[in-house]
Each structure stands twice: as C-alpha cells, then as structure tokens.
Amino acid sequence: MAGWFELSKSSDGQFRFVLKAGNAQTILTSQMYSSRAAAQGGIASVQSSSADDANYERKTATNDKAYFNLKSANHQVIGTSQMYASEASREAGIASVKANGASASIKDLSV
C-alpha cells in the first residue's frame, strides 16, 4: 500500500502535514505553516525533494536518539522524522520517506 500526506489545521489556525507510510505510521512531520497554501507548497517540496539522498540531514539528539531532517533545494527544513533507537532504524525511516514521498495522495483533514 502506498503512503499519503495528511494535512491538518491546529487550534490556533496554523497548518501542518505529516507523511504516512502504507502501514499508516507517521514517517515525516512538517513545521507549522500560516496558511493551507503554504503547507501544500511544503508537500510539493517533499514530493520533489524526497528521492535525493543529499537532501537528508542525519542528526543525533541530546538523548542519543537518531533522527533526520528532509531539506529542500534551498536548504530549508521541510520535515523532521521521529526519534529512532539506532542509526539503522533511522536509515530505514529515510528509505520509507524516499519510497513514499512522491505520493500524490493528500488527505485534507483541515476542512
């Protein structure tokens, strides 16, 4: 089953999206956007940037958990992963974003 994006609106009126894998697990979470259109632009950026390994910034949190940021061509962070127990798990998460990031399926939960 292919992945999809979920676009949602927070209680303060801002928008965010998550990328879900085919098993419905969240694999990437965006920043907050001031408008639906800006969040949709973020989704388009994931769709065009997710296949290129050079766009992934591999990081380690202060608690030694591994995670990654997906960056756009202009080096802005588009989305951040969950925390992973190991670098190998982080690499599996990156592979999942690469596999699902080009999805054209968007579930708009913000309406």
Protein backbone atom coordinates (compact mmCIF):
# COMPACT_ATOMS: atom_id res chain seq x y z
CA MET A 1 0.00 0.00 0.00
CA ALA A 2 1.30 3.42 -0.92
CA GLY A 3 1.84 6.24 1.52
CA TRP A 4 -0.03 9.54 1.70
CA PHE A 5 0.05 13.02 3.16
CA GLU A 6 -2.37 14.24 5.82
CA LEU A 7 -2.92 17.99 6.00
CA SER A 8 -4.40 19.29 9.25
CA LYS A 9 -5.22 22.56 10.99
CA SER A 10 -4.25 23.26 14.59
CA SER A 11 -6.42 25.01 17.16
CA ASP A 12 -4.50 28.26 16.61
CA GLY A 13 -5.32 28.24 12.87
CA GLN A 14 -1.95 27.07 11.58
CA PHE A 15 -1.45 24.15 9.20
CA ARG A 16 0.88 21.17 9.19
CA PHE A 17 1.23 17.96 7.27
CA VAL A 18 2.54 14.51 8.00
CA LEU A 19 3.71 11.86 5.58
CA LYS A 20 2.32 8.43 6.39
CA ALA A 21 3.75 5.12 5.20
CA GLY A 22 1.50 2.46 3.72
CA ASN A 23 1.09 0.97 7.23
CA ALA A 24 -0.29 4.36 8.46
CA GLN A 25 2.80 5.11 10.56
CA THR A 26 3.93 8.75 10.51
CA ILE A 27 7.37 8.98 8.89
CA LEU A 28 7.79 12.76 8.47
CA THR A 29 6.23 15.77 10.23
CA SER A 30 6.31 19.30 8.86
CA GLN A 31 6.78 22.61 10.57
CA MET A 32 3.74 24.81 11.19
CA TYR A 33 2.55 26.95 8.27
CA SER A 34 0.42 30.08 8.46
CA SER A 35 -1.77 29.05 5.51
CA ARG A 36 -3.14 25.95 3.78
CA ALA A 37 -1.42 27.06 0.55
CA ALA A 38 1.96 27.27 2.28
CA ALA A 39 1.50 23.77 3.74
CA GLN A 40 0.54 22.48 0.29
CA GLY A 41 3.76 24.05 -1.01
CA GLY A 42 5.63 22.10 1.67
CA ILE A 43 4.01 18.88 0.46
CA ALA A 44 5.07 19.71 -3.11
CA SER A 45 8.60 20.26 -1.83
CA VAL A 46 8.63 16.82 -0.18
CA GLN A 47 7.33 15.29 -3.40
CA SER A 48 10.18 16.81 -5.39
CA SER A 49 12.98 16.50 -2.80
CA SER A 50 12.45 13.15 -1.09
CA ALA A 51 14.16 10.92 -3.68
CA ASP A 52 17.59 12.61 -3.38
CA ASP A 53 19.75 11.28 -0.55
CA ALA A 54 21.67 14.59 -0.44
CA ASN A 55 18.52 16.26 0.94
CA TYR A 56 18.60 14.23 4.17
CA GLU A 57 20.37 15.64 7.19
CA ARG A 58 21.17 12.82 9.60
CA LYS A 59 21.22 14.01 13.22
CA THR A 60 21.59 12.72 16.78
CA ALA A 61 19.56 14.26 19.60
CA THR A 62 20.99 15.07 23.02
CA ASN A 63 19.43 11.83 24.31
CA ASP A 64 21.48 9.89 21.69
CA LYS A 65 18.40 9.07 19.60
CA ALA A 66 18.88 9.22 15.83
CA TYR A 67 16.59 11.29 13.60
CA PHE A 68 16.69 13.15 10.30
CA ASN A 69 15.54 16.32 8.61
CA LEU A 70 14.46 16.45 4.98
CA LYS A 71 15.65 19.67 3.35
CA SER A 72 14.52 21.36 0.16
CA ALA A 73 16.78 22.54 -2.67
CA ASN A 74 17.18 25.89 -0.85
CA HIS A 75 18.37 24.00 2.28
CA GLN A 76 15.27 24.80 4.35
CA VAL A 77 13.95 22.01 6.58
CA ILE A 78 10.70 20.64 5.12
CA GLY A 79 10.07 17.94 7.68
CA THR A 80 11.54 16.05 10.61
CA SER A 81 11.37 12.37 11.47
CA GLN A 82 10.51 10.69 14.71
CA MET A 83 13.32 9.67 17.07
CA TYR A 84 14.89 6.29 16.35
CA ALA A 85 16.74 3.95 18.73
CA SER A 86 19.54 3.31 16.21
CA GLU A 87 21.18 4.68 13.09
CA ALA A 88 19.97 1.61 11.21
CA SER A 89 16.36 2.40 12.15
CA ARG A 90 16.90 5.99 11.01
CA GLU A 91 18.15 4.72 7.64
CA ALA A 92 15.02 2.58 7.32
CA GLY A 93 12.95 5.72 8.03
CA ILE A 94 14.79 7.61 5.30
CA ALA A 95 14.19 4.73 2.89
CA SER A 96 10.48 4.88 3.74
CA VAL A 97 10.31 8.63 3.05
CA LYS A 98 12.13 8.06 -0.25
CA ALA A 99 9.61 5.34 -1.15
CA ASN A 100 6.50 7.28 -0.09
CA GLY A 101 7.46 10.94 -0.52
CA ALA A 102 6.40 11.22 -4.15
CA SER A 103 2.84 10.21 -3.29
CA ALA A 104 0.15 12.35 -4.88
CA SER A 105 -2.42 11.20 -2.31
CA ILE A 106 -3.33 14.03 0.09
CA LYS A 107 -5.99 13.65 2.77
CA ASP A 108 -7.09 17.15 3.74
CA LEU A 109 -8.29 16.96 7.34
CA SER A 110 -8.18 20.75 7.73
CA VAL A 111 -11.65 21.44 6.32
